[in-house]
Amino acid sequence: MEAHKIDRVSVIENMQYKKYSDLNAIELDILANYDTDLNVCCKCDVVVDSFTEMYWQGDSIDTWHECMKGYEALCDDCFKEVSDENNRL
């Protein structure tokens, strides 16, 4: 079944919180080719909402997170984990 012939909204809802490696071909196509507001955590590989459940590494002093070295985007849980690890050092 092709992505344009299915209910993308329900597919998008069902793929949130799945591991990227567990997405099927239709879900991968939708994630890559449609505006879903979803993205993948660079640490745990889980699909989450880009705007409300992710931290992004920025280039400016206001958006640079020292604890995120080596990561472009982290979900809330992974950001907390690397932040806590960084604070222990």
Protein backbone atom coordinates (compact mmCIF):
# COMPACT_ATOMS: atom_id res chain seq x y z
CA MET A 1 0.00 0.00 0.00
CA GLU A 2 1.36 3.42 -0.93
CA ALA A 3 1.61 6.24 1.61
CA HIS A 4 -0.71 8.56 -0.36
CA LYS A 5 -3.53 5.94 -0.25
CA ILE A 6 -3.59 5.48 3.52
CA ASP A 7 -4.72 7.54 6.50
CA ARG A 8 -1.46 9.38 7.23
CA VAL A 9 -2.81 10.90 10.45
CA SER A 10 -3.39 7.52 12.07
CA VAL A 11 -0.03 6.23 10.83
CA ILE A 12 1.71 9.28 12.28
CA GLU A 13 -0.05 8.82 15.62
CA ASN A 14 0.93 5.15 15.73
CA MET A 15 4.59 5.68 14.92
CA GLN A 16 5.23 8.21 17.68
CA TYR A 17 7.36 6.63 20.47
CA LYS A 18 8.45 3.74 18.24
CA LYS A 19 12.11 3.09 17.60
CA TYR A 20 13.15 4.31 14.16
CA SER A 21 14.54 0.86 13.39
CA ASP A 22 11.07 -0.63 14.04
CA LEU A 23 9.24 1.60 11.53
CA ASN A 24 7.81 -0.13 8.48
CA ALA A 25 8.30 1.08 4.90
CA ILE A 26 5.14 3.22 4.89
CA GLU A 27 6.07 4.88 8.19
CA LEU A 28 9.60 5.56 6.94
CA ASP A 29 8.20 7.08 3.74
CA ILE A 30 5.82 9.33 5.67
CA LEU A 31 8.54 10.42 8.11
CA ALA A 32 10.92 11.25 5.26
CA ASN A 33 8.51 12.84 2.78
CA TYR A 34 5.68 14.52 4.71
CA ASP A 35 5.46 17.24 7.36
CA THR A 36 4.79 15.13 10.45
CA ASP A 37 6.32 17.31 13.21
CA LEU A 38 8.15 14.13 14.27
CA ASN A 39 11.86 13.49 14.47
CA VAL A 40 14.23 10.85 15.81
CA CYS A 41 16.33 11.10 18.96
CA CYS A 42 20.01 10.73 18.09
CA LYS A 43 20.68 8.75 21.29
CA CYS A 44 17.80 6.31 21.80
CA ASP A 45 16.43 6.17 18.23
CA VAL A 46 12.83 6.89 19.32
CA VAL A 47 10.43 8.96 17.21
CA VAL A 48 9.03 11.95 19.14
CA ASP A 49 7.41 15.33 18.51
CA SER A 50 10.07 17.72 17.23
CA PHE A 51 8.68 20.80 18.93
CA THR A 52 7.52 19.62 22.35
CA GLU A 53 9.65 16.56 23.14
CA MET A 54 13.11 17.36 21.75
CA TYR A 55 16.14 19.46 22.51
CA TRP A 56 18.16 20.67 19.53
CA GLN A 57 21.84 21.53 19.55
CA GLY A 58 22.23 25.05 18.28
CA ASP A 59 25.09 27.11 16.96
CA SER A 60 24.62 30.17 19.15
CA ILE A 61 25.39 30.64 22.82
CA ASP A 62 21.65 30.72 23.58
CA THR A 63 21.00 27.32 22.00
CA TRP A 64 24.28 25.46 22.69
CA HIS A 65 24.00 22.67 25.26
CA GLU A 66 27.37 21.51 26.59
CA CYS A 67 25.95 18.13 27.56
CA MET A 68 24.76 17.49 23.98
CA LYS A 69 28.23 17.26 22.44
CA GLY A 70 28.02 14.69 19.67
CA TYR A 71 24.22 14.86 19.36
CA GLU A 72 22.13 17.02 17.06
CA ALA A 73 18.78 16.26 18.70
CA LEU A 74 17.76 14.49 21.91
CA CYS A 75 14.35 13.52 23.26
CA ASP A 76 13.42 14.88 26.69
CA ASP A 77 14.42 11.65 28.46
CA CYS A 78 17.85 11.43 26.82
CA PHE A 79 18.51 15.13 27.37
CA LYS A 80 17.81 14.68 31.08
CA GLU A 81 20.10 11.65 31.14
CA VAL A 82 23.06 13.36 29.45
CA SER A 83 22.46 16.54 31.43
CA ASP A 84 22.52 14.60 34.73
CA GLU A 85 25.70 12.77 33.61
CA ASN A 86 27.33 16.09 32.68
CA ASN A 87 26.42 17.60 36.05
CA ARG A 88 28.09 14.70 37.90
CA LEU A 89 31.45 15.36 36.22
